[in-house]
Amino acid sequence: MTTSIPSPRQARQALRWVIRCNAGRLPERQQRALQRWLQADPRHADAWRQQQAFWQGLDAAGPDVLAALPELTAEPALRPLQPRRRLPWLLASAAVLLLSVTVAPHAWLLVRSDVRSGNAPRTVQLQDGSTAILDAGSALALDFSAGQRRLQVLRGSAWFQVAHEARSFRVEAGGGEIRDIGTAFSVALQDAVVTTEVSQGEVEIRPGHAAAQRLQAGQARAFRDGRWLQPLQLTDVEAIAPWRRGEIVIDDLPAQQAIEHLARYRSAPVWVLRGQGAQVAVSGLFHLQQPDAAIAAVAQQAGLRSQRLPGGALLLW
């Protein structure tokens, strides 16, 4: 049976027509082309209505959203526009940008990584018998040779349950190294900050230039660019890497940062435009199986509005 739901391609076509119509009166030739397109498939009319609603919602977003659009759509090669024509161009450029699937910045991971996770945590049995549980959007490089077990966190977070044997088990991240001495620990790489938490046993952390330090179960420490960031922290071992249990804890984070964390657990992207609401501190315990509900709860705490875009993407402001 033929579905009545517009395809992503039809949604993009509809949005292009909506952009043209909102930029000014269509020439007669284009009006006829629009009518032919609308009549070619019943889904075209559905897509048209959906994109009209999206456009009206974006157009009514207010000055905070419009002020953020030039930053999102900056392109030096584009010629200057007259002020009265600038608004349709900004909205059109933003819509095209938001509809794009931006995989290029992460293409290098496909070459460097041996193990990757998508929009959900992934459990991997390593060849030495150890277990690695990757958080969503994480990537590891592996080097298991005769004399060593060396891993590198290229992106995201991973929790390791280490199988004991003669070869050392070392994890590199952010220019530093974590050497396993005990049994289980996590390593997270975010914005060049490396955080290690120990679930069981003991690890030795060497940030780079700073002196090495040993952590025991229930302890955590972070470093960046070879320097310790804070004193030794105590942590509940049951709360380490909560995404292993399908949970994520947000503790007094700016709404934009919290939503970026939650967005890793959905297939379509999320954009948060800068503004006062994006900096409101939020907290909560959320389930990874319902990322949209979690994002909606954070948005409500911060007083943010949201708009669903074609393909399932979200825009918040």
C-alpha atoms as a PDB file:
ATOM      1  CA  MET A   1       0.000   0.000   0.000  1.00  0.00           C
ATOM      2  CA  THR A   2       1.344   3.445  -0.901  1.00  0.00           C
ATOM      3  CA  THR A   3       2.145   5.636   2.081  1.00  0.00           C
ATOM      4  CA  SER A   4       0.578   9.090   2.367  1.00  0.00           C
ATOM      5  CA  ILE A   5       3.507  10.497   4.318  1.00  0.00           C
ATOM      6  CA  PRO A   6       5.721  12.872   2.300  1.00  0.00           C
ATOM      7  CA  SER A   7       9.265  11.646   1.761  1.00  0.00           C
ATOM      8  CA  PRO A   8      12.280  13.718   2.917  1.00  0.00           C
ATOM      9  CA  ARG A   9      12.896  14.641  -0.735  1.00  0.00           C
ATOM     10  CA  GLN A  10       9.322  15.881  -1.127  1.00  0.00           C
ATOM     11  CA  ALA A  11       9.640  17.844   2.119  1.00  0.00           C
ATOM     12  CA  ARG A  12      12.763  19.558   0.777  1.00  0.00           C
ATOM     13  CA  GLN A  13      11.033  20.350  -2.504  1.00  0.00           C
ATOM     14  CA  ALA A  14       8.070  21.812  -0.631  1.00  0.00           C
ATOM     15  CA  LEU A  15      10.317  23.944   1.543  1.00  0.00           C
ATOM     16  CA  ARG A  16      12.051  25.353  -1.537  1.00  0.00           C
ATOM     17  CA  TRP A  17       8.673  26.359  -2.980  1.00  0.00           C
ATOM     18  CA  VAL A  18       7.646  27.923   0.344  1.00  0.00           C
ATOM     19  CA  ILE A  19      10.896  29.900   0.450  1.00  0.00           C
ATOM     20  CA  ARG A  20      10.316  31.182  -3.094  1.00  0.00           C
ATOM     21  CA  CYS A  21       6.743  32.202  -2.350  1.00  0.00           C
ATOM     22  CA  ASN A  22       7.690  34.036   0.848  1.00  0.00           C
ATOM     23  CA  ALA A  23      10.496  35.902  -0.889  1.00  0.00           C
ATOM     24  CA  GLY A  24       8.025  37.664  -3.188  1.00  0.00           C
ATOM     25  CA  ARG A  25       5.345  37.117  -5.820  1.00  0.00           C
ATOM     26  CA  LEU A  26       6.216  34.256  -8.168  1.00  0.00           C
ATOM     27  CA  PRO A  27       6.431  34.947 -11.913  1.00  0.00           C
ATOM     28  CA  GLU A  28       3.573  33.392 -13.845  1.00  0.00           C
ATOM     29  CA  ARG A  29       5.810  30.637 -15.234  1.00  0.00           C
ATOM     30  CA  GLN A  30       6.856  29.566 -11.735  1.00  0.00           C
ATOM     31  CA  GLN A  31       3.261  29.719 -10.506  1.00  0.00           C
ATOM     32  CA  ARG A  32       2.297  27.220 -13.188  1.00  0.00           C
ATOM     33  CA  ALA A  33       5.278  25.027 -12.241  1.00  0.00           C
ATOM     34  CA  LEU A  34       4.175  25.104  -8.604  1.00  0.00           C
ATOM     35  CA  GLN A  35       0.655  24.056  -9.525  1.00  0.00           C
ATOM     36  CA  ARG A  36       1.973  21.182 -11.646  1.00  0.00           C
ATOM     37  CA  TRP A  37       4.142  20.030  -8.755  1.00  0.00           C
ATOM     38  CA  LEU A  38       1.248  20.190  -6.270  1.00  0.00           C
ATOM     39  CA  GLN A  39      -0.990  18.150  -8.571  1.00  0.00           C
ATOM     40  CA  ALA A  40       1.643  15.552  -9.442  1.00  0.00           C
ATOM     41  CA  ASP A  41       1.319  13.677  -6.120  1.00  0.00           C
ATOM     42  CA  PRO A  42      -1.123  13.987  -3.194  1.00  0.00           C
ATOM     43  CA  ARG A  43       1.868  13.948  -0.850  1.00  0.00           C
ATOM     44  CA  HIS A  44       3.143  17.164  -2.404  1.00  0.00           C
ATOM     45  CA  ALA A  45       0.158  19.086  -1.051  1.00  0.00           C
ATOM     46  CA  ASP A  46       0.676  17.526   2.398  1.00  0.00           C
ATOM     47  CA  ALA A  47       4.347  18.467   2.293  1.00  0.00           C
ATOM     48  CA  TRP A  48       3.404  21.998   1.208  1.00  0.00           C
ATOM     49  CA  ARG A  49       1.066  22.454   4.183  1.00  0.00           C
ATOM     50  CA  GLN A  50       3.636  21.071   6.610  1.00  0.00           C
ATOM     51  CA  GLN A  51       6.396  23.357   5.342  1.00  0.00           C
ATOM     52  CA  GLN A  52       4.093  26.370   5.339  1.00  0.00           C
ATOM     53  CA  ALA A  53       3.411  25.691   9.030  1.00  0.00           C
ATOM     54  CA  PHE A  54       7.128  25.297   9.710  1.00  0.00           C
ATOM     55  CA  TRP A  55       7.913  28.530   7.870  1.00  0.00           C
ATOM     56  CA  GLN A  56       5.255  30.514   9.682  1.00  0.00           C
ATOM     57  CA  GLY A  57       6.539  29.228  13.010  1.00  0.00           C
ATOM     58  CA  LEU A  58      10.097  30.209  12.157  1.00  0.00           C
ATOM     59  CA  ASP A  59       9.030  33.558  10.751  1.00  0.00           C
ATOM     60  CA  ALA A  60       7.168  34.294  14.008  1.00  0.00           C
ATOM     61  CA  ALA A  61      10.092  33.252  16.193  1.00  0.00           C
ATOM     62  CA  GLY A  62      11.030  36.828  16.950  1.00  0.00           C
ATOM     63  CA  PRO A  63      14.203  38.913  17.012  1.00  0.00           C
ATOM     64  CA  ASP A  64      16.240  36.462  19.119  1.00  0.00           C
ATOM     65  CA  VAL A  65      16.075  33.805  16.415  1.00  0.00           C
ATOM     66  CA  LEU A  66      16.539  36.216  13.541  1.00  0.00           C
ATOM     67  CA  ALA A  67      19.556  37.782  15.256  1.00  0.00           C
ATOM     68  CA  ALA A  68      21.192  34.353  15.437  1.00  0.00           C
ATOM     69  CA  LEU A  69      20.619  33.432  11.808  1.00  0.00           C
ATOM     70  CA  PRO A  70      23.463  35.518  10.282  1.00  0.00           C
ATOM     71  CA  GLU A  71      25.914  33.612  12.456  1.00  0.00           C
ATOM     72  CA  LEU A  72      24.486  30.287  11.285  1.00  0.00           C
ATOM     73  CA  THR A  73      24.469  31.237   7.630  1.00  0.00           C
ATOM     74  CA  ALA A  74      27.631  33.329   7.320  1.00  0.00           C
ATOM     75  CA  GLU A  75      29.091  32.982   3.828  1.00  0.00           C
ATOM     76  CA  PRO A  76      31.712  35.549   2.687  1.00  0.00           C
ATOM     77  CA  ALA A  77      31.224  34.709  -0.994  1.00  0.00           C
ATOM     78  CA  LEU A  78      27.601  35.856  -1.009  1.00  0.00           C
ATOM     79  CA  ARG A  79      26.952  39.360  -2.256  1.00  0.00           C
ATOM     80  CA  PRO A  80      25.384  41.894   0.148  1.00  0.00           C
ATOM     81  CA  LEU A  81      21.597  42.108   0.085  1.00  0.00           C
ATOM     82  CA  GLN A  82      19.315  45.061   0.420  1.00  0.00           C
ATOM     83  CA  PRO A  83      17.764  45.279   3.924  1.00  0.00           C
ATOM     84  CA  ARG A  84      14.229  44.633   2.645  1.00  0.00           C
ATOM     85  CA  ARG A  85      15.420  41.392   0.960  1.00  0.00           C
ATOM     86  CA  ARG A  86      17.664  40.223   3.801  1.00  0.00           C
ATOM     87  CA  LEU A  87      15.038  38.516   5.974  1.00  0.00           C
ATOM     88  CA  PRO A  88      13.827  35.995   3.322  1.00  0.00           C
ATOM     89  CA  TRP A  89      17.454  35.219   2.450  1.00  0.00           C
ATOM     90  CA  LEU A  90      18.398  34.617   6.081  1.00  0.00           C
ATOM     91  CA  LEU A  91      15.447  32.315   6.645  1.00  0.00           C
ATOM     92  CA  ALA A  92      16.087  30.487   3.399  1.00  0.00           C
ATOM     93  CA  SER A  93      19.783  30.052   4.153  1.00  0.00           C
ATOM     94  CA  ALA A  94      19.042  28.825   7.663  1.00  0.00           C
ATOM     95  CA  ALA A  95      16.474  26.342   6.383  1.00  0.00           C
ATOM     96  CA  VAL A  96      18.895  24.952   3.794  1.00  0.00           C
ATOM     97  CA  LEU A  97      21.598  24.682   6.449  1.00  0.00           C
ATOM     98  CA  LEU A  98      19.317  22.914   8.908  1.00  0.00           C
ATOM     99  CA  LEU A  99      18.189  20.430   6.261  1.00  0.00           C
ATOM    100  CA  SER A 100      21.748  19.433   5.371  1.00  0.00           C
ATOM    101  CA  VAL A 101      23.212  16.240   6.804  1.00  0.00           C
ATOM    102  CA  THR A 102      26.633  17.323   8.059  1.00  0.00           C
ATOM    103  CA  VAL A 103      28.693  14.144   8.084  1.00  0.00           C
ATOM    104  CA  ALA A 104      31.897  15.659   6.692  1.00  0.00           C
ATOM    105  CA  PRO A 105      33.328  16.903  10.041  1.00  0.00           C
ATOM    106  CA  HIS A 106      33.279  13.324  11.344  1.00  0.00           C
ATOM    107  CA  ALA A 107      34.465  11.551   8.201  1.00  0.00           C
ATOM    108  CA  TRP A 108      37.966  11.225   9.620  1.00  0.00           C
ATOM    109  CA  LEU A 109      36.591   8.918  12.320  1.00  0.00           C
ATOM    110  CA  LEU A 110      35.706   6.361   9.653  1.00  0.00           C
ATOM    111  CA  VAL A 111      39.390   6.123   8.816  1.00  0.00           C
ATOM    112  CA  ARG A 112      40.926   6.274  12.286  1.00  0.00           C
ATOM    113  CA  SER A 113      38.442   4.365  14.417  1.00  0.00           C
ATOM    114  CA  ASP A 114      38.046   0.606  14.806  1.00  0.00           C
ATOM    115  CA  VAL A 115      34.915   0.701  16.984  1.00  0.00           C
ATOM    116  CA  ARG A 116      32.090   3.257  16.776  1.00  0.00           C
ATOM    117  CA  SER A 117      28.616   3.752  18.225  1.00  0.00           C
ATOM    118  CA  GLY A 118      25.628   5.435  16.639  1.00  0.00           C
ATOM    119  CA  ASN A 119      22.801   7.165  18.491  1.00  0.00           C
ATOM    120  CA  ALA A 120      22.695   4.547  21.265  1.00  0.00           C
ATOM    121  CA  PRO A 121      25.267   2.969  23.625  1.00  0.00           C
ATOM    122  CA  ARG A 122      27.066  -0.077  22.248  1.00  0.00           C
ATOM    123  CA  THR A 123      28.702  -3.003  24.050  1.00  0.00           C
ATOM    124  CA  VAL A 124      31.807  -4.488  22.409  1.00  0.00           C
ATOM    125  CA  GLN A 125      33.737  -7.586  23.403  1.00  0.00           C
ATOM    126  CA  LEU A 126      37.416  -6.911  22.722  1.00  0.00           C
ATOM    127  CA  GLN A 127      39.735  -9.626  21.435  1.00  0.00           C
ATOM    128  CA  ASP A 128      41.509  -9.972  24.794  1.00  0.00           C
ATOM    129  CA  GLY A 129      38.251 -10.719  26.620  1.00  0.00           C
ATOM    130  CA  SER A 130      37.778  -7.186  27.962  1.00  0.00           C
ATOM    131  CA  THR A 131      34.464  -5.374  27.568  1.00  0.00           C
ATOM    132  CA  ALA A 132      34.050  -1.818  26.285  1.00  0.00           C
ATOM    133  CA  ILE A 133      30.691  -0.049  26.504  1.00  0.00           C
ATOM    134  CA  LEU A 134      30.598   3.038  24.289  1.00  0.00           C
ATOM    135  CA  ASP A 135      28.244   5.921  24.885  1.00  0.00           C
ATOM    136  CA  ALA A 136      26.314   7.225  21.877  1.00  0.00           C
ATOM    137  CA  GLY A 137      28.438   9.027  19.305  1.00  0.00           C
ATOM    138  CA  SER A 138      31.725   7.574  20.571  1.00  0.00           C
ATOM    139  CA  ALA A 139      34.696   6.111  18.713  1.00  0.00           C
ATOM    140  CA  LEU A 140      37.774   4.070  19.686  1.00  0.00           C
ATOM    141  CA  ALA A 141      40.992   3.093  17.933  1.00  0.00           C
ATOM    142  CA  LEU A 142      42.500  -0.255  18.967  1.00  0.00           C
ATOM    143  CA  ASP A 143      46.063  -1.545  18.897  1.00  0.00           C
ATOM    144  CA  PHE A 144      46.297  -5.062  20.319  1.00  0.00           C
ATOM    145  CA  SER A 145      49.732  -6.426  19.487  1.00  0.00           C
ATOM    146  CA  ALA A 146      51.964  -9.096  21.031  1.00  0.00           C
ATOM    147  CA  GLY A 147      53.357  -6.725  23.620  1.00  0.00           C
ATOM    148  CA  GLN A 148      50.571  -4.254  24.394  1.00  0.00           C
ATOM    149  CA  ARG A 149      46.866  -3.455  24.589  1.00  0.00           C
ATOM    150  CA  ARG A 150      46.524   0.183  23.619  1.00  0.00           C
ATOM    151  CA  LEU A 151      43.244   1.999  22.936  1.00  0.00           C
ATOM    152  CA  GLN A 152      42.487   5.607  22.037  1.00  0.00           C
ATOM    153  CA  VAL A 153      39.265   7.479  22.736  1.00  0.00           C
ATOM    154  CA  LEU A 154      38.780   9.543  19.585  1.00  0.00           C
ATOM    155  CA  ARG A 155      35.384  10.908  20.576  1.00  0.00           C
ATOM    156  CA  GLY A 156      32.822  10.508  23.326  1.00  0.00           C
ATOM    157  CA  SER A 157      32.931   8.197  26.323  1.00  0.00           C
ATOM    158  CA  ALA A 158      33.652   4.561  27.062  1.00  0.00           C
ATOM    159  CA  TRP A 159      33.548   2.303  30.122  1.00  0.00           C
ATOM    160  CA  PHE A 160      36.006  -0.582  30.309  1.00  0.00           C
ATOM    161  CA  GLN A 161      35.825  -3.878  32.183  1.00  0.00           C
ATOM    162  CA  VAL A 162      39.407  -5.097  31.799  1.00  0.00           C
ATOM    163  CA  ALA A 163      40.438  -8.736  31.488  1.00  0.00           C
ATOM    164  CA  HIS A 164      43.669  -9.303  33.406  1.00  0.00           C
ATOM    165  CA  GLU A 165      46.690 -10.655  31.567  1.00  0.00           C
ATOM    166  CA  ALA A 166      50.408  -9.966  31.189  1.00  0.00           C
ATOM    167  CA  ARG A 167      50.024  -7.141  28.646  1.00  0.00           C
ATOM    168  CA  SER A 168      49.276  -3.697  30.046  1.00  0.00           C
ATOM    169  CA  PHE A 169      45.919  -2.075  29.204  1.00  0.00           C
ATOM    170  CA  ARG A 170      46.316   1.613  28.338  1.00  0.00           C
ATOM    171  CA  VAL A 171      43.767   4.152  27.120  1.00  0.00           C
ATOM    172  CA  GLU A 172      44.907   7.376  25.422  1.00  0.00           C
ATOM    173  CA  ALA A 173      42.730  10.480  25.291  1.00  0.00           C
ATOM    174  CA  GLY A 174      43.364  14.199  24.924  1.00  0.00           C
ATOM    175  CA  GLY A 175      47.142  13.827  24.947  1.00  0.00           C
ATOM    176  CA  GLY A 176      47.172  11.837  28.180  1.00  0.00           C
ATOM    177  CA  GLU A 177      47.137   8.180  29.146  1.00  0.00           C
ATOM    178  CA  ILE A 178      45.161   6.053  31.601  1.00  0.00           C
ATOM    179  CA  ARG A 179      46.771   2.744  32.621  1.00  0.00           C
ATOM    180  CA  ASP A 180      44.627   0.038  34.140  1.00  0.00           C
ATOM    181  CA  ILE A 181      45.815  -1.462  37.400  1.00  0.00           C
ATOM    182  CA  GLY A 182      42.493  -2.757  38.655  1.00  0.00           C
ATOM    183  CA  THR A 183      39.315  -3.795  36.924  1.00  0.00           C
ATOM    184  CA  ALA A 184      36.819  -1.202  35.619  1.00  0.00           C
ATOM    185  CA  PHE A 185      36.859   2.502  34.771  1.00  0.00           C
ATOM    186  CA  SER A 186      35.419   5.069  32.373  1.00  0.00           C
ATOM    187  CA  VAL A 187      37.107   7.657  30.155  1.00  0.00           C
ATOM    188  CA  ALA A 188      35.210  10.599  28.669  1.00  0.00           C
ATOM    189  CA  LEU A 189      36.531  13.088  26.112  1.00  0.00           C
ATOM    190  CA  GLN A 190      34.489  16.269  25.755  1.00  0.00           C
ATOM    191  CA  ASP A 191      35.705  19.641  24.478  1.00  0.00           C
ATOM    192  CA  ALA A 192      39.330  18.471  24.963  1.00  0.00           C
ATOM    193  CA  VAL A 193      38.616  17.671  28.640  1.00  0.00           C
ATOM    194  CA  VAL A 194      39.377  14.089  29.679  1.00  0.00           C
ATOM    195  CA  THR A 195      37.544  12.760  32.743  1.00  0.00           C
ATOM    196  CA  THR A 196      38.342   9.397  34.325  1.00  0.00           C
ATOM    197  CA  GLU A 197      36.130   7.673  36.899  1.00  0.00           C
ATOM    198  CA  VAL A 198      37.029   4.378  38.571  1.00  0.00           C
ATOM    199  CA  SER A 199      34.343   1.759  39.198  1.00  0.00           C
ATOM    200  CA  GLN A 200      36.582  -0.987  40.564  1.00  0.00           C
ATOM    201  CA  GLY A 201      40.260  -1.422  41.336  1.00  0.00           C
ATOM    202  CA  GLU A 202      42.796   1.259  40.449  1.00  0.00           C
ATOM    203  CA  VAL A 203      44.151   3.223  37.478  1.00  0.00           C
ATOM    204  CA  GLU A 204      47.152   5.447  36.900  1.00  0.00           C
ATOM    205  CA  ILE A 205      46.586   8.670  34.954  1.00  0.00           C
ATOM    206  CA  ARG A 206      49.382  10.536  33.209  1.00  0.00           C
ATOM    207  CA  PRO A 207      47.952  13.798  31.766  1.00  0.00           C
ATOM    208  CA  GLY A 208      51.035  14.547  29.698  1.00  0.00           C
ATOM    209  CA  HIS A 209      53.299  17.106  31.311  1.00  0.00           C
ATOM    210  CA  ALA A 210      51.877  16.893  34.837  1.00  0.00           C
ATOM    211  CA  ALA A 211      52.837  14.232  37.343  1.00  0.00           C
ATOM    212  CA  ALA A 212      50.964  10.928  37.192  1.00  0.00           C
ATOM    213  CA  GLN A 213      48.341  10.120  39.800  1.00  0.00           C
ATOM    214  CA  ARG A 214      46.627   6.928  40.892  1.00  0.00           C
ATOM    215  CA  LEU A 215      42.869   6.757  41.378  1.00  0.00           C
ATOM    216  CA  GLN A 216      40.991   4.097  43.286  1.00  0.00           C
ATOM    217  CA  ALA A 217      37.357   2.964  43.118  1.00  0.00           C
ATOM    218  CA  GLY A 218      34.976   5.851  43.732  1.00  0.00           C
ATOM    219  CA  GLN A 219      37.474   8.526  42.657  1.00  0.00           C
ATOM    220  CA  ALA A 220      37.505  10.772  39.585  1.00  0.00           C
ATOM    221  CA  ARG A 221      39.828  13.348  38.044  1.00  0.00           C
ATOM    222  CA  ALA A 222      39.893  15.500  34.901  1.00  0.00           C
ATOM    223  CA  PHE A 223      42.680  17.064  32.851  1.00  0.00           C
ATOM    224  CA  ARG A 224      43.088  19.169  29.745  1.00  0.00           C
ATOM    225  CA  ASP A 225      46.160  19.954  27.639  1.00  0.00           C
ATOM    226  CA  GLY A 226      48.433  18.078  30.024  1.00  0.00           C
ATOM    227  CA  ARG A 227      47.251  19.872  33.175  1.00  0.00           C
ATOM    228  CA  TRP A 228      44.991  18.776  36.003  1.00  0.00           C
ATOM    229  CA  LEU A 229      41.771  20.784  36.100  1.00  0.00           C
ATOM    230  CA  GLN A 230      40.576  20.199  39.659  1.00  0.00           C
ATOM    231  CA  PRO A 231      41.433  18.338  42.859  1.00  0.00           C
ATOM    232  CA  LEU A 232      40.593  14.677  43.253  1.00  0.00           C
ATOM    233  CA  GLN A 233      36.839  14.111  43.247  1.00  0.00           C
ATOM    234  CA  LEU A 234      34.775  11.453  45.027  1.00  0.00           C
ATOM    235  CA  THR A 235      31.980   9.794  43.070  1.00  0.00           C
ATOM    236  CA  ASP A 236      29.352   7.124  43.621  1.00  0.00           C
ATOM    237  CA  VAL A 237      30.530   4.012  41.769  1.00  0.00           C
ATOM    238  CA  GLU A 238      26.912   3.166  40.953  1.00  0.00           C
ATOM    239  CA  ALA A 239      26.546   6.526  39.186  1.00  0.00           C
ATOM    240  CA  ILE A 240      29.561   6.090  36.884  1.00  0.00           C
ATOM    241  CA  ALA A 241      28.662   5.975  33.163  1.00  0.00           C
ATOM    242  CA  PRO A 242      24.888   5.945  33.767  1.00  0.00           C
ATOM    243  CA  TRP A 243      24.266   5.595  30.006  1.00  0.00           C
ATOM    244  CA  ARG A 244      25.204   1.915  30.467  1.00  0.00           C
ATOM    245  CA  ARG A 245      21.833   1.588  32.213  1.00  0.00           C
ATOM    246  CA  GLY A 246      19.946   3.698  29.685  1.00  0.00           C
ATOM    247  CA  GLU A 247      20.044   6.880  31.778  1.00  0.00           C
ATOM    248  CA  ILE A 248      21.649  10.297  31.513  1.00  0.00           C
ATOM    249  CA  VAL A 249      22.117  12.683  34.408  1.00  0.00           C
ATOM    250  CA  ILE A 250      22.023  16.437  33.803  1.00  0.00           C
ATOM    251  CA  ASP A 251      23.334  18.330  36.813  1.00  0.00           C
ATOM    252  CA  ASP A 252      23.152  22.126  36.687  1.00  0.00           C
ATOM    253  CA  LEU A 253      24.238  22.474  33.056  1.00  0.00           C
ATOM    254  CA  PRO A 254      23.345  25.305  30.646  1.00  0.00           C
ATOM    255  CA  ALA A 255      20.319  24.252  28.619  1.00  0.00           C
ATOM    256  CA  GLN A 256      22.237  24.348  25.351  1.00  0.00           C
ATOM    257  CA  GLN A 257      24.907  21.989  26.674  1.00  0.00           C
ATOM    258  CA  ALA A 258      22.295  19.674  28.205  1.00  0.00           C
ATOM    259  CA  ILE A 259      20.372  19.477  24.924  1.00  0.00           C
ATOM    260  CA  GLU A 260      23.583  18.745  23.024  1.00  0.00           C
ATOM    261  CA  HIS A 261      24.150  15.778  25.367  1.00  0.00           C
ATOM    262  CA  LEU A 262      20.638  14.489  24.820  1.00  0.00           C
ATOM    263  CA  ALA A 263      20.767  15.041  21.053  1.00  0.00           C
ATOM    264  CA  ARG A 264      23.385  12.304  20.725  1.00  0.00           C
ATOM    265  CA  TYR A 265      20.659   9.740  21.409  1.00  0.00           C
ATOM    266  CA  ARG A 266      18.473  10.614  18.418  1.00  0.00           C
ATOM    267  CA  SER A 267      19.103   9.975  14.730  1.00  0.00           C
ATOM    268  CA  ALA A 268      18.190  13.467  13.493  1.00  0.00           C
ATOM    269  CA  PRO A 269      20.178  16.534  14.583  1.00  0.00           C
ATOM    270  CA  VAL A 270      19.192  19.270  17.041  1.00  0.00           C
ATOM    271  CA  TRP A 271      20.162  22.954  16.851  1.00  0.00           C
ATOM    272  CA  VAL A 272      19.922  25.406  19.751  1.00  0.00           C
ATOM    273  CA  LEU A 273      20.171  29.067  18.802  1.00  0.00           C
ATOM    274  CA  ARG A 274      22.059  31.288  21.182  1.00  0.00           C
ATOM    275  CA  GLY A 275      20.035  33.410  23.522  1.00  0.00           C
ATOM    276  CA  GLN A 276      19.214  33.953  27.158  1.00  0.00           C
ATOM    277  CA  GLY A 277      17.221  30.720  27.454  1.00  0.00           C
ATOM    278  CA  ALA A 278      20.121  28.624  26.137  1.00  0.00           C
ATOM    279  CA  GLN A 279      22.206  29.581  29.193  1.00  0.00           C
ATOM    280  CA  VAL A 280      19.603  28.728  31.854  1.00  0.00           C
ATOM    281  CA  ALA A 281      20.918  26.007  34.183  1.00  0.00           C
ATOM    282  CA  VAL A 282      18.880  22.785  34.135  1.00  0.00           C
ATOM    283  CA  SER A 283      18.983  19.451  35.967  1.00  0.00           C
ATOM    284  CA  GLY A 284      17.267  16.091  35.730  1.00  0.00           C
ATOM    285  CA  LEU A 285      17.501  12.331  35.259  1.00  0.00           C
ATOM    286  CA  PHE A 286      16.355  11.220  31.812  1.00  0.00           C
ATOM    287  CA  HIS A 287      15.865   7.958  29.909  1.00  0.00           C
ATOM    288  CA  LEU A 288      17.830   7.509  26.715  1.00  0.00           C
ATOM    289  CA  GLN A 289      14.978   5.592  25.075  1.00  0.00           C
ATOM    290  CA  GLN A 290      12.952   8.830  25.039  1.00  0.00           C
ATOM    291  CA  PRO A 291      15.374  11.562  23.939  1.00  0.00           C
ATOM    292  CA  ASP A 292      12.642  13.803  22.495  1.00  0.00           C
ATOM    293  CA  ALA A 293      10.751  13.779  25.789  1.00  0.00           C
ATOM    294  CA  ALA A 294      13.990  14.589  27.626  1.00  0.00           C
ATOM    295  CA  ILE A 295      14.769  17.479  25.259  1.00  0.00           C
ATOM    296  CA  ALA A 296      11.229  18.791  25.675  1.00  0.00           C
ATOM    297  CA  ALA A 297      11.597  18.680  29.477  1.00  0.00           C
ATOM    298  CA  VAL A 298      14.891  20.592  29.335  1.00  0.00           C
ATOM    299  CA  ALA A 299      13.397  23.132  26.920  1.00  0.00           C
ATOM    300  CA  GLN A 300      10.471  23.657  29.286  1.00  0.00           C
ATOM    301  CA  GLN A 301      12.838  24.243  32.233  1.00  0.00           C
ATOM    302  CA  ALA A 302      14.785  26.815  30.224  1.00  0.00           C
ATOM    303  CA  GLY A 303      11.756  28.475  28.630  1.00  0.00           C
ATOM    304  CA  LEU A 304      12.826  27.504  25.107  1.00  0.00           C
ATOM    305  CA  ARG A 305      10.514  27.102  22.126  1.00  0.00           C
ATOM    306  CA  SER A 306      10.970  24.313  19.600  1.00  0.00           C
ATOM    307  CA  GLN A 307      10.188  23.665  15.949  1.00  0.00           C
ATOM    308  CA  ARG A 308      10.356  20.260  14.286  1.00  0.00           C
ATOM    309  CA  LEU A 309      12.041  20.380  10.888  1.00  0.00           C
ATOM    310  CA  PRO A 310      11.835  18.013   7.897  1.00  0.00           C
ATOM    311  CA  GLY A 311      13.531  14.698   8.533  1.00  0.00           C
ATOM    312  CA  GLY A 312      12.981  14.872  12.296  1.00  0.00           C
ATOM    313  CA  ALA A 313      15.526  17.610  13.054  1.00  0.00           C
ATOM    314  CA  LEU A 314      14.734  20.043  15.864  1.00  0.00           C
ATOM    315  CA  LEU A 315      15.339  23.776  16.157  1.00  0.00           C
ATOM    316  CA  LEU A 316      15.133  25.374  19.632  1.00  0.00           C
ATOM    317  CA  TRP A 317      15.338  29.026  20.623  1.00  0.00           C
END
